Amino acid sequence: MLVDAREGLALSSEKPMMVMDAAGGLMSLDSARIKPVHTVLSGPAGGVVASAHVAQLAGIPDIITMDIGGTSTDISLIRNGRPEITRSASLETVPIRLPVIDINAIGAGGGSIAWIDDGGALRVGPMSAEAVPWPVCYGRGGILPTVTDANLVLGRFDEKSRLGGDLGLDLAAARKVIEEKIANPIDHHPLAGC
């Protein structure tokens, strides 16, 4: 019997371990070893499959999914309860000619760092606060403003929320870093308002 250390759950050796593939299906470990390319983009595919399932339970056949991660936000379309599949995906610039769930990534996620360029324009990413030090509002050592900090300051997140049950959000710290690193530099930039 195997034990999942993160959850303390016993995994039965009687059940085969499966791996998600990029089209939202499952494959055996042996298949994944032989054809690892089929697992490319399988992580985001898992979010789309889960979203389709929840939408089905709610009786909603057509939805747009949005999976906000640390560096990007992945968007996908579900029609009639099924994710859209494509054979025209790519990873970076490498084409993938396999059936994969049609997922489009936009360039900003919750950990994407906001900054001011030399011309005084607001930019977001591609740098990320990542898992360490995280956004400033998490109180874990972050010092640069992120999309998550901005969402908290804008009221899109409730400052009383508890992430994972115990991690609070620090609205004052998020306001301070956005004021110091974004608002003040824009206000005082010689090209601001041009």
N, C-alpha and C. Protein backbone atom coordinates (compact mmCIF):
# COMPACT_ATOMS: atom_id res chain seq x y z
N MET A 1 0.84 -1.18 0.00
CA MET A 1 0.00 0.00 0.00
C MET A 1 0.89 1.24 0.00
N LEU A 2 0.58 2.21 -0.86
CA LEU A 2 1.30 3.47 -0.93
C LEU A 2 0.56 4.52 -0.11
N VAL A 3 1.29 5.50 0.41
CA VAL A 3 0.67 6.58 1.17
C VAL A 3 1.02 7.90 0.50
N ASP A 4 0.01 8.71 0.25
CA ASP A 4 0.21 10.05 -0.29
C ASP A 4 0.60 10.94 0.88
N ALA A 5 1.86 11.39 0.91
CA ALA A 5 2.37 12.15 2.05
C ALA A 5 1.66 13.49 2.24
N ARG A 6 1.18 14.10 1.17
CA ARG A 6 0.52 15.40 1.30
C ARG A 6 -0.81 15.27 2.01
N GLU A 7 -1.51 14.22 1.76
CA GLU A 7 -2.86 14.07 2.29
C GLU A 7 -2.95 12.99 3.37
N GLY A 8 -1.92 12.18 3.49
CA GLY A 8 -1.97 11.08 4.44
C GLY A 8 -2.97 10.01 4.02
N LEU A 9 -3.29 9.95 2.74
CA LEU A 9 -4.27 8.99 2.24
C LEU A 9 -3.58 7.71 1.79
N ALA A 10 -4.19 6.62 2.07
CA ALA A 10 -3.66 5.34 1.60
C ALA A 10 -4.12 5.12 0.17
N LEU A 11 -3.18 4.82 -0.70
CA LEU A 11 -3.50 4.54 -2.09
C LEU A 11 -3.43 3.04 -2.29
N SER A 12 -4.49 2.46 -2.77
CA SER A 12 -4.55 1.02 -2.93
C SER A 12 -3.67 0.57 -4.09
N SER A 13 -2.88 -0.46 -3.86
CA SER A 13 -2.07 -1.00 -4.94
C SER A 13 -2.91 -1.86 -5.88
N GLU A 14 -4.17 -2.10 -5.51
CA GLU A 14 -5.07 -2.88 -6.36
C GLU A 14 -5.63 -2.05 -7.50
N LYS A 15 -5.63 -0.73 -7.34
CA LYS A 15 -6.15 0.15 -8.39
C LYS A 15 -4.97 0.65 -9.21
N PRO A 16 -5.10 0.66 -10.52
CA PRO A 16 -3.99 1.14 -11.35
C PRO A 16 -3.83 2.66 -11.22
N MET A 17 -2.60 3.12 -11.18
CA MET A 17 -2.35 4.55 -11.17
C MET A 17 -2.44 5.05 -12.60
N MET A 18 -3.16 6.13 -12.79
CA MET A 18 -3.37 6.68 -14.12
C MET A 18 -2.80 8.09 -14.20
N VAL A 19 -2.51 8.52 -15.42
CA VAL A 19 -1.98 9.85 -15.69
C VAL A 19 -2.92 10.54 -16.66
N MET A 20 -3.21 11.82 -16.42
CA MET A 20 -4.07 12.55 -17.34
C MET A 20 -3.29 12.89 -18.60
N ASP A 21 -3.96 12.80 -19.74
CA ASP A 21 -3.31 13.22 -20.97
C ASP A 21 -3.83 14.59 -21.39
N ALA A 22 -3.22 15.16 -22.40
CA ALA A 22 -3.52 16.53 -22.81
C ALA A 22 -4.92 16.69 -23.40
N ALA A 23 -5.57 15.60 -23.80
CA ALA A 23 -6.93 15.67 -24.34
C ALA A 23 -7.98 15.48 -23.25
N GLY A 24 -7.53 15.36 -21.99
CA GLY A 24 -8.48 15.22 -20.89
C GLY A 24 -8.81 13.80 -20.52
N GLY A 25 -8.17 12.84 -21.18
CA GLY A 25 -8.40 11.43 -20.86
C GLY A 25 -7.34 10.91 -19.89
N LEU A 26 -7.40 9.62 -19.67
CA LEU A 26 -6.43 8.99 -18.77
C LEU A 26 -5.58 7.98 -19.54
N MET A 27 -4.36 7.82 -19.08
CA MET A 27 -3.48 6.82 -19.66
C MET A 27 -2.72 6.13 -18.53
N SER A 28 -2.31 4.89 -18.77
CA SER A 28 -1.57 4.14 -17.76
C SER A 28 -0.16 4.71 -17.62
N LEU A 29 0.50 4.36 -16.53
CA LEU A 29 1.89 4.79 -16.35
C LEU A 29 2.78 4.25 -17.45
N ASP A 30 2.53 3.01 -17.86
CA ASP A 30 3.32 2.43 -18.94
C ASP A 30 3.14 3.22 -20.23
N SER A 31 1.91 3.60 -20.55
CA SER A 31 1.66 4.40 -21.75
C SER A 31 2.34 5.75 -21.65
N ALA A 32 2.30 6.36 -20.47
CA ALA A 32 2.94 7.66 -20.27
C ALA A 32 4.45 7.57 -20.45
N ARG A 33 5.03 6.46 -20.04
CA ARG A 33 6.48 6.26 -20.23
C ARG A 33 6.83 6.12 -21.70
N ILE A 34 5.97 5.46 -22.46
CA ILE A 34 6.22 5.22 -23.88
C ILE A 34 5.92 6.47 -24.71
N LYS A 35 4.86 7.20 -24.34
CA LYS A 35 4.43 8.38 -25.10
C LYS A 35 4.31 9.60 -24.18
N PRO A 36 5.42 10.07 -23.60
CA PRO A 36 5.32 11.19 -22.65
C PRO A 36 4.80 12.48 -23.26
N VAL A 37 4.94 12.65 -24.59
CA VAL A 37 4.45 13.87 -25.22
C VAL A 37 2.93 14.04 -25.01
N HIS A 38 2.23 12.93 -24.81
CA HIS A 38 0.78 13.01 -24.59
C HIS A 38 0.42 13.65 -23.24
N THR A 39 1.41 13.80 -22.37
CA THR A 39 1.13 14.43 -21.07
C THR A 39 1.40 15.93 -21.08
N VAL A 40 1.98 16.44 -22.18
CA VAL A 40 2.24 17.88 -22.28
C VAL A 40 0.91 18.62 -22.17
N LEU A 41 0.86 19.64 -21.37
CA LEU A 41 -0.35 20.46 -21.13
C LEU A 41 -1.45 19.70 -20.38
N SER A 42 -1.11 18.57 -19.78
CA SER A 42 -2.15 17.80 -19.08
C SER A 42 -2.59 18.47 -17.78
N GLY A 43 -1.71 19.27 -17.16
CA GLY A 43 -2.10 19.97 -15.94
C GLY A 43 -3.25 20.94 -16.18
N PRO A 44 -3.10 21.87 -17.12
CA PRO A 44 -4.23 22.76 -17.43
C PRO A 44 -5.46 21.99 -17.94
N ALA A 45 -5.24 20.88 -18.64
CA ALA A 45 -6.37 20.07 -19.12
C ALA A 45 -7.19 19.56 -17.94
N GLY A 46 -6.53 19.21 -16.85
CA GLY A 46 -7.23 18.73 -15.67
C GLY A 46 -8.19 19.77 -15.11
N GLY A 47 -7.79 21.04 -15.13
CA GLY A 47 -8.67 22.10 -14.68
C GLY A 47 -9.90 22.25 -15.56
N VAL A 48 -9.72 22.08 -16.86
CA VAL A 48 -10.85 22.18 -17.80
C VAL A 48 -11.82 21.02 -17.59
N VAL A 49 -11.27 19.81 -17.44
CA VAL A 49 -12.12 18.63 -17.22
C VAL A 49 -12.91 18.80 -15.92
N ALA A 50 -12.25 19.27 -14.86
CA ALA A 50 -12.95 19.48 -13.59
C ALA A 50 -14.04 20.55 -13.73
N SER A 51 -13.75 21.61 -14.47
CA SER A 51 -14.75 22.66 -14.70
C SER A 51 -15.95 22.14 -15.47
N ALA A 52 -15.70 21.31 -16.47
CA ALA A 52 -16.80 20.72 -17.24
C ALA A 52 -17.68 19.86 -16.34
N HIS A 53 -17.06 19.13 -15.44
CA HIS A 53 -17.81 18.27 -14.52
C HIS A 53 -18.68 19.11 -13.59
N VAL A 54 -18.11 20.15 -13.00
CA VAL A 54 -18.88 21.02 -12.09
C VAL A 54 -20.01 21.70 -12.84
N ALA A 55 -19.74 22.17 -14.06
CA ALA A 55 -20.80 22.80 -14.87
C ALA A 55 -21.91 21.81 -15.17
N GLN A 56 -21.55 20.57 -15.45
CA GLN A 56 -22.55 19.55 -15.72
C GLN A 56 -23.43 19.33 -14.49
N LEU A 57 -22.81 19.26 -13.31
CA LEU A 57 -23.58 19.08 -12.08
C LEU A 57 -24.53 20.25 -11.84
N ALA A 58 -24.13 21.44 -12.29
CA ALA A 58 -24.97 22.63 -12.12
C ALA A 58 -25.98 22.78 -13.25
N GLY A 59 -25.92 21.89 -14.25
CA GLY A 59 -26.87 21.96 -15.36
C GLY A 59 -26.55 23.04 -16.36
N ILE A 60 -25.28 23.42 -16.46
CA ILE A 60 -24.86 24.47 -17.39
C ILE A 60 -23.99 23.82 -18.47
N PRO A 61 -24.50 23.68 -19.70
CA PRO A 61 -23.75 22.96 -20.73
C PRO A 61 -22.64 23.77 -21.41
N ASP A 62 -22.77 25.09 -21.44
CA ASP A 62 -21.80 25.93 -22.14
C ASP A 62 -21.15 26.91 -21.16
N ILE A 63 -19.83 26.82 -21.02
CA ILE A 63 -19.13 27.74 -20.12
C ILE A 63 -17.77 28.10 -20.72
N ILE A 64 -17.22 29.17 -20.20
CA ILE A 64 -15.83 29.54 -20.47
C ILE A 64 -15.10 29.34 -19.15
N THR A 65 -14.03 28.54 -19.19
CA THR A 65 -13.26 28.31 -17.97
C THR A 65 -12.11 29.30 -17.88
N MET A 66 -11.72 29.60 -16.66
CA MET A 66 -10.60 30.49 -16.43
C MET A 66 -9.81 29.93 -15.25
N ASP A 67 -8.60 29.51 -15.51
CA ASP A 67 -7.73 28.92 -14.49
C ASP A 67 -6.58 29.89 -14.25
N ILE A 68 -6.66 30.62 -13.14
CA ILE A 68 -5.64 31.63 -12.84
C ILE A 68 -4.55 30.99 -11.99
N GLY A 69 -3.37 30.92 -12.58
CA GLY A 69 -2.22 30.38 -11.87
C GLY A 69 -1.28 31.50 -11.46
N GLY A 70 -0.04 31.15 -11.18
CA GLY A 70 0.92 32.14 -10.73
C GLY A 70 1.43 33.04 -11.84
N THR A 71 1.60 32.51 -13.04
CA THR A 71 2.18 33.31 -14.13
C THR A 71 1.27 33.51 -15.32
N SER A 72 0.20 32.75 -15.41
CA SER A 72 -0.70 32.92 -16.54
C SER A 72 -2.13 32.59 -16.13
N THR A 73 -3.03 32.96 -17.01
CA THR A 73 -4.43 32.60 -16.86
C THR A 73 -4.81 31.82 -18.10
N ASP A 74 -5.32 30.61 -17.89
CA ASP A 74 -5.67 29.73 -18.99
C ASP A 74 -7.18 29.77 -19.22
N ILE A 75 -7.57 29.98 -20.46
CA ILE A 75 -8.97 30.11 -20.85
C ILE A 75 -9.33 28.95 -21.78
N SER A 76 -10.53 28.38 -21.58
CA SER A 76 -10.99 27.30 -22.45
C SER A 76 -12.51 27.38 -22.59
N LEU A 77 -13.01 26.81 -23.66
CA LEU A 77 -14.44 26.82 -23.95
C LEU A 77 -15.02 25.42 -23.83
N ILE A 78 -16.14 25.32 -23.15
CA ILE A 78 -16.86 24.05 -23.04
C ILE A 78 -18.22 24.25 -23.70
N ARG A 79 -18.50 23.42 -24.71
CA ARG A 79 -19.78 23.48 -25.42
C ARG A 79 -20.49 22.15 -25.24
N ASN A 80 -21.76 22.23 -24.93
CA ASN A 80 -22.57 21.02 -24.73
C ASN A 80 -21.90 20.06 -23.74
N GLY A 81 -21.28 20.62 -22.72
CA GLY A 81 -20.67 19.82 -21.67
C GLY A 81 -19.33 19.21 -22.01
N ARG A 82 -18.78 19.52 -23.18
CA ARG A 82 -17.52 18.90 -23.61
C ARG A 82 -16.48 19.97 -23.93
N PRO A 83 -15.26 19.79 -23.45
CA PRO A 83 -14.18 20.71 -23.82
C PRO A 83 -13.89 20.64 -25.32
N GLU A 84 -13.51 21.77 -25.87
CA GLU A 84 -13.10 21.82 -27.28
C GLU A 84 -11.73 21.15 -27.42
N ILE A 85 -11.55 20.37 -28.47
CA ILE A 85 -10.30 19.67 -28.73
C ILE A 85 -9.68 20.25 -30.01
N THR A 86 -8.36 20.38 -30.01
CA THR A 86 -7.66 20.88 -31.19
C THR A 86 -6.45 20.00 -31.48
N ARG A 87 -5.96 20.08 -32.70
CA ARG A 87 -4.70 19.44 -33.08
C ARG A 87 -3.70 20.51 -33.52
N SER A 88 -3.95 21.74 -33.14
CA SER A 88 -3.09 22.86 -33.55
C SER A 88 -2.50 23.59 -32.35
N ALA A 89 -2.14 22.88 -31.33
CA ALA A 89 -1.56 23.51 -30.15
C ALA A 89 -0.05 23.64 -30.31
N SER A 90 0.55 24.43 -29.44
CA SER A 90 2.01 24.53 -29.42
C SER A 90 2.47 24.77 -28.00
N LEU A 91 3.68 24.39 -27.74
CA LEU A 91 4.32 24.63 -26.46
C LEU A 91 5.51 25.52 -26.76
N GLU A 92 5.47 26.76 -26.22
CA GLU A 92 6.43 27.78 -26.64
C GLU A 92 6.24 27.95 -28.15
N THR A 93 7.22 27.60 -28.96
CA THR A 93 7.07 27.73 -30.41
C THR A 93 7.03 26.38 -31.11
N VAL A 94 7.00 25.30 -30.33
CA VAL A 94 7.03 23.96 -30.90
C VAL A 94 5.60 23.47 -31.12
N PRO A 95 5.23 23.15 -32.37
CA PRO A 95 3.87 22.67 -32.62
C PRO A 95 3.64 21.29 -32.03
N ILE A 96 2.44 21.07 -31.52
CA ILE A 96 2.04 19.77 -30.98
C ILE A 96 0.90 19.27 -31.86
N ARG A 97 1.12 18.21 -32.59
CA ARG A 97 0.13 17.68 -33.51
C ARG A 97 -0.58 16.47 -32.92
N LEU A 98 -1.07 16.63 -31.72
CA LEU A 98 -1.83 15.59 -31.01
C LEU A 98 -3.15 16.20 -30.59
N PRO A 99 -4.17 15.39 -30.35
CA PRO A 99 -5.40 15.98 -29.82
C PRO A 99 -5.16 16.48 -28.40
N VAL A 100 -5.43 17.76 -28.19
CA VAL A 100 -5.30 18.38 -26.87
C VAL A 100 -6.51 19.28 -26.62
N ILE A 101 -6.83 19.48 -25.36
CA ILE A 101 -7.90 20.43 -25.04
C ILE A 101 -7.43 21.81 -25.48
N ASP A 102 -8.30 22.54 -26.15
CA ASP A 102 -7.99 23.86 -26.68
C ASP A 102 -7.96 24.86 -25.53
N ILE A 103 -6.76 25.21 -25.10
CA ILE A 103 -6.55 26.12 -23.98
C ILE A 103 -5.69 27.27 -24.47
N ASN A 104 -6.14 28.47 -24.19
CA ASN A 104 -5.37 29.65 -24.57
C ASN A 104 -4.89 30.34 -23.30
N ALA A 105 -3.60 30.59 -23.24
CA ALA A 105 -3.02 31.26 -22.08
C ALA A 105 -2.85 32.73 -22.37
N ILE A 106 -3.27 33.56 -21.42
CA ILE A 106 -2.99 34.98 -21.51
C ILE A 106 -1.82 35.26 -20.58
N GLY A 107 -1.19 36.38 -20.74
CA GLY A 107 0.10 36.60 -20.11
C GLY A 107 0.14 37.01 -18.66
N ALA A 108 -0.92 36.89 -17.92
CA ALA A 108 -0.85 37.33 -16.52
C ALA A 108 -1.59 36.38 -15.61
N GLY A 109 -0.96 36.07 -14.50
CA GLY A 109 -1.58 35.26 -13.46
C GLY A 109 -1.52 36.01 -12.15
N GLY A 110 -1.97 35.39 -11.10
CA GLY A 110 -2.02 36.05 -9.80
C GLY A 110 -0.68 36.49 -9.27
N GLY A 111 0.39 35.77 -9.62
CA GLY A 111 1.72 36.12 -9.13
C GLY A 111 2.49 37.01 -10.08
N SER A 112 1.90 37.36 -11.23
CA SER A 112 2.60 38.22 -12.19
C SER A 112 2.87 39.58 -11.56
N ILE A 113 4.10 40.05 -11.73
CA ILE A 113 4.54 41.29 -11.08
C ILE A 113 4.23 42.49 -11.97
N ALA A 114 3.67 43.53 -11.34
CA ALA A 114 3.39 44.80 -12.03
C ALA A 114 4.62 45.70 -11.88
N TRP A 115 4.92 46.45 -12.95
CA TRP A 115 6.08 47.34 -12.92
C TRP A 115 5.87 48.48 -13.91
N ILE A 116 6.68 49.52 -13.77
CA ILE A 116 6.59 50.69 -14.65
C ILE A 116 7.81 50.68 -15.57
N ASP A 117 7.57 50.76 -16.88
CA ASP A 117 8.69 50.75 -17.82
C ASP A 117 9.31 52.15 -17.93
N ASP A 118 10.38 52.26 -18.73
CA ASP A 118 11.10 53.52 -18.84
C ASP A 118 10.24 54.65 -19.41
N GLY A 119 9.22 54.32 -20.16
CA GLY A 119 8.33 55.33 -20.72
C GLY A 119 7.18 55.71 -19.79
N GLY A 120 7.13 55.11 -18.61
CA GLY A 120 6.09 55.45 -17.64
C GLY A 120 4.82 54.63 -17.78
N ALA A 121 4.85 53.57 -18.60
CA ALA A 121 3.66 52.73 -18.80
C ALA A 121 3.64 51.57 -17.81
N LEU A 122 2.45 51.23 -17.37
CA LEU A 122 2.26 50.08 -16.48
C LEU A 122 2.41 48.80 -17.29
N ARG A 123 3.20 47.88 -16.78
CA ARG A 123 3.40 46.57 -17.40
C ARG A 123 3.10 45.50 -16.37
N VAL A 124 2.72 44.32 -16.84
CA VAL A 124 2.46 43.18 -15.96
C VAL A 124 3.17 41.97 -16.53
N GLY A 125 4.05 41.34 -15.72
CA GLY A 125 4.79 40.16 -16.13
C GLY A 125 5.89 40.51 -17.10
N PRO A 126 6.62 39.57 -17.61
CA PRO A 126 6.46 38.14 -17.38
C PRO A 126 7.03 37.66 -16.05
N MET A 127 7.69 38.54 -15.29
CA MET A 127 8.24 38.12 -14.00
C MET A 127 7.10 37.74 -13.06
N SER A 128 7.40 36.80 -12.16
CA SER A 128 6.38 36.32 -11.24
C SER A 128 6.92 36.24 -9.82
N ALA A 129 6.05 36.43 -8.86
CA ALA A 129 6.41 36.26 -7.45
C ALA A 129 6.56 34.79 -7.10
N GLU A 130 6.06 33.91 -7.96
CA GLU A 130 6.18 32.46 -7.82
C GLU A 130 5.69 31.98 -6.45
N ALA A 131 6.08 30.77 -6.09
CA ALA A 131 5.66 30.19 -4.81
C ALA A 131 6.42 30.83 -3.64
N VAL A 132 7.59 31.36 -3.92
CA VAL A 132 8.37 32.09 -2.92
C VAL A 132 8.93 33.29 -3.62
N PRO A 133 8.67 34.50 -3.20
CA PRO A 133 8.09 34.90 -1.93
C PRO A 133 6.57 35.12 -1.95
N TRP A 134 5.89 34.92 -3.06
CA TRP A 134 4.45 35.10 -3.19
C TRP A 134 4.09 36.59 -3.27
N PRO A 135 2.79 36.87 -3.54
CA PRO A 135 2.34 38.25 -3.51
C PRO A 135 2.53 38.88 -2.12
N VAL A 136 2.68 40.18 -2.09
CA VAL A 136 2.89 40.91 -0.84
C VAL A 136 1.76 40.65 0.15
N CYS A 137 0.52 40.62 -0.34
CA CYS A 137 -0.64 40.49 0.56
C CYS A 137 -0.68 39.16 1.31
N TYR A 138 0.13 38.19 0.90
CA TYR A 138 0.17 36.91 1.62
C TYR A 138 1.03 36.97 2.88
N GLY A 139 1.84 38.03 3.02
CA GLY A 139 2.67 38.18 4.20
C GLY A 139 3.76 37.15 4.32
N ARG A 140 4.28 36.70 3.20
CA ARG A 140 5.32 35.66 3.22
C ARG A 140 6.65 36.17 2.64
N GLY A 141 6.85 37.47 2.65
CA GLY A 141 8.14 38.02 2.22
C GLY A 141 8.15 38.67 0.86
N GLY A 142 7.02 38.71 0.15
CA GLY A 142 6.97 39.37 -1.15
C GLY A 142 7.19 40.87 -1.00
N ILE A 143 7.90 41.47 -1.97
CA ILE A 143 8.17 42.91 -1.90
C ILE A 143 7.75 43.65 -3.17
N LEU A 144 7.26 42.93 -4.18
CA LEU A 144 6.86 43.55 -5.43
C LEU A 144 5.36 43.36 -5.67
N PRO A 145 4.69 44.37 -6.24
CA PRO A 145 3.24 44.28 -6.44
C PRO A 145 2.86 43.27 -7.51
N THR A 146 1.81 42.51 -7.25
CA THR A 146 1.34 41.48 -8.18
C THR A 146 -0.12 41.72 -8.55
N VAL A 147 -0.59 40.92 -9.49
CA VAL A 147 -2.00 40.96 -9.88
C VAL A 147 -2.89 40.63 -8.68
N THR A 148 -2.47 39.68 -7.84
CA THR A 148 -3.24 39.34 -6.65
C THR A 148 -3.35 40.52 -5.71
N ASP A 149 -2.24 41.24 -5.50
CA ASP A 149 -2.27 42.43 -4.64
C ASP A 149 -3.25 43.47 -5.21
N ALA A 150 -3.21 43.68 -6.52
CA ALA A 150 -4.12 44.64 -7.16
C ALA A 150 -5.57 44.21 -7.01
N ASN A 151 -5.85 42.92 -7.20
CA ASN A 151 -7.23 42.44 -7.04
C ASN A 151 -7.74 42.66 -5.62
N LEU A 152 -6.88 42.50 -4.64
CA LEU A 152 -7.28 42.74 -3.25
C LEU A 152 -7.56 44.22 -3.03
N VAL A 153 -6.67 45.08 -3.50
CA VAL A 153 -6.85 46.53 -3.34
C VAL A 153 -8.11 47.01 -4.07
N LEU A 154 -8.40 46.43 -5.22
CA LEU A 154 -9.59 46.82 -5.99
C LEU A 154 -10.89 46.24 -5.43
N GLY A 155 -10.80 45.41 -4.39
CA GLY A 155 -11.99 44.84 -3.77
C GLY A 155 -12.52 43.60 -4.45
N ARG A 156 -11.76 43.04 -5.37
CA ARG A 156 -12.20 41.81 -6.04
C ARG A 156 -12.05 40.60 -5.14
N PHE A 157 -11.17 40.71 -4.15
CA PHE A 157 -11.02 39.68 -3.12
C PHE A 157 -11.42 40.29 -1.80
N ASP A 158 -12.05 39.51 -0.97
CA ASP A 158 -12.43 39.96 0.37
C ASP A 158 -11.22 39.83 1.29
N GLU A 159 -10.85 40.92 1.94
CA GLU A 159 -9.67 40.88 2.80
C GLU A 159 -9.84 39.93 3.98
N LYS A 160 -11.06 39.51 4.27
CA LYS A 160 -11.31 38.58 5.37
C LYS A 160 -11.20 37.13 4.93
N SER A 161 -10.96 36.91 3.63
CA SER A 161 -10.83 35.54 3.12
C SER A 161 -9.65 34.85 3.78
N ARG A 162 -9.78 33.54 3.94
CA ARG A 162 -8.70 32.71 4.46
C ARG A 162 -8.34 31.71 3.37
N LEU A 163 -7.15 31.81 2.84
CA LEU A 163 -6.71 30.91 1.79
C LEU A 163 -6.22 29.61 2.41
N GLY A 164 -6.73 28.51 1.92
CA GLY A 164 -6.35 27.23 2.48
C GLY A 164 -6.78 27.07 3.92
N GLY A 165 -7.71 27.91 4.34
CA GLY A 165 -8.24 27.80 5.69
C GLY A 165 -7.52 28.62 6.73
N ASP A 166 -6.24 29.01 6.47
CA ASP A 166 -5.51 29.71 7.53
C ASP A 166 -4.68 30.91 7.07
N LEU A 167 -4.46 31.08 5.78
CA LEU A 167 -3.65 32.19 5.29
C LEU A 167 -4.53 33.42 5.05
N GLY A 168 -4.30 34.46 5.85
CA GLY A 168 -5.06 35.69 5.70
C GLY A 168 -4.45 36.59 4.64
N LEU A 169 -5.17 37.64 4.28
CA LEU A 169 -4.71 38.60 3.29
C LEU A 169 -4.45 39.95 3.97
N ASP A 170 -3.33 40.58 3.63
CA ASP A 170 -2.93 41.84 4.24
C ASP A 170 -3.20 42.98 3.27
N LEU A 171 -4.39 43.60 3.41
CA LEU A 171 -4.79 44.68 2.52
C LEU A 171 -3.87 45.89 2.66
N ALA A 172 -3.49 46.23 3.87
CA ALA A 172 -2.62 47.40 4.08
C ALA A 172 -1.28 47.23 3.37
N ALA A 173 -0.69 46.04 3.45
CA ALA A 173 0.60 45.80 2.80
C ALA A 173 0.45 45.88 1.27
N ALA A 174 -0.66 45.34 0.74
CA ALA A 174 -0.89 45.40 -0.70
C ALA A 174 -1.06 46.85 -1.15
N ARG A 175 -1.82 47.64 -0.40
CA ARG A 175 -2.00 49.06 -0.75
C ARG A 175 -0.66 49.80 -0.74
N LYS A 176 0.14 49.53 0.28
CA LYS A 176 1.42 50.22 0.43
C LYS A 176 2.35 49.92 -0.75
N VAL A 177 2.49 48.65 -1.13
CA VAL A 177 3.41 48.30 -2.20
C VAL A 177 2.91 48.85 -3.55
N ILE A 178 1.61 48.85 -3.77
CA ILE A 178 1.08 49.41 -5.03
C ILE A 178 1.28 50.91 -5.07
N GLU A 179 1.08 51.57 -3.95
CA GLU A 179 1.31 53.01 -3.89
C GLU A 179 2.77 53.34 -4.16
N GLU A 180 3.68 52.61 -3.47
CA GLU A 180 5.11 52.91 -3.59
C GLU A 180 5.70 52.52 -4.95
N LYS A 181 5.30 51.37 -5.48
CA LYS A 181 5.94 50.85 -6.69
C LYS A 181 5.19 51.16 -7.99
N ILE A 182 3.90 51.52 -7.88
CA ILE A 182 3.10 51.75 -9.09
C ILE A 182 2.53 53.17 -9.12
N ALA A 183 1.68 53.49 -8.16
CA ALA A 183 0.95 54.78 -8.20
C ALA A 183 1.89 55.98 -8.15
N ASN A 184 2.78 56.03 -7.17
CA ASN A 184 3.69 57.18 -7.06
C ASN A 184 4.61 57.31 -8.26
N PRO A 185 5.25 56.22 -8.72
CA PRO A 185 6.10 56.36 -9.90
C PRO A 185 5.35 56.85 -11.15
N ILE A 186 4.11 56.41 -11.33
CA ILE A 186 3.32 56.88 -12.48
C ILE A 186 3.01 58.36 -12.30
N ASP A 187 2.58 58.75 -11.11
CA ASP A 187 2.23 60.15 -10.85
C ASP A 187 3.42 61.10 -11.07
N HIS A 188 4.62 60.63 -10.79
CA HIS A 188 5.80 61.48 -10.86
C HIS A 188 6.67 61.24 -12.10
N HIS A 189 6.21 60.40 -13.00
CA HIS A 189 7.01 60.12 -14.20
C HIS A 189 6.88 61.30 -15.16
N PRO A 190 8.00 61.73 -15.77
CA PRO A 190 7.96 62.89 -16.66
C PRO A 190 7.07 62.70 -17.89
N LEU A 191 6.82 61.44 -18.30
CA LEU A 191 5.99 61.21 -19.47
C LEU A 191 4.55 60.87 -19.11
N ALA A 192 4.22 60.88 -17.81
CA ALA A 192 2.84 60.54 -17.40
C ALA A 192 1.86 61.54 -17.99
N GLY A 193 0.76 61.01 -18.48
CA GLY A 193 -0.29 61.86 -19.03
C GLY A 193 -0.05 62.29 -20.47
N CYS A 194 1.05 61.86 -21.08
CA CYS A 194 1.34 62.24 -22.48
C CYS A 194 0.45 61.48 -23.43
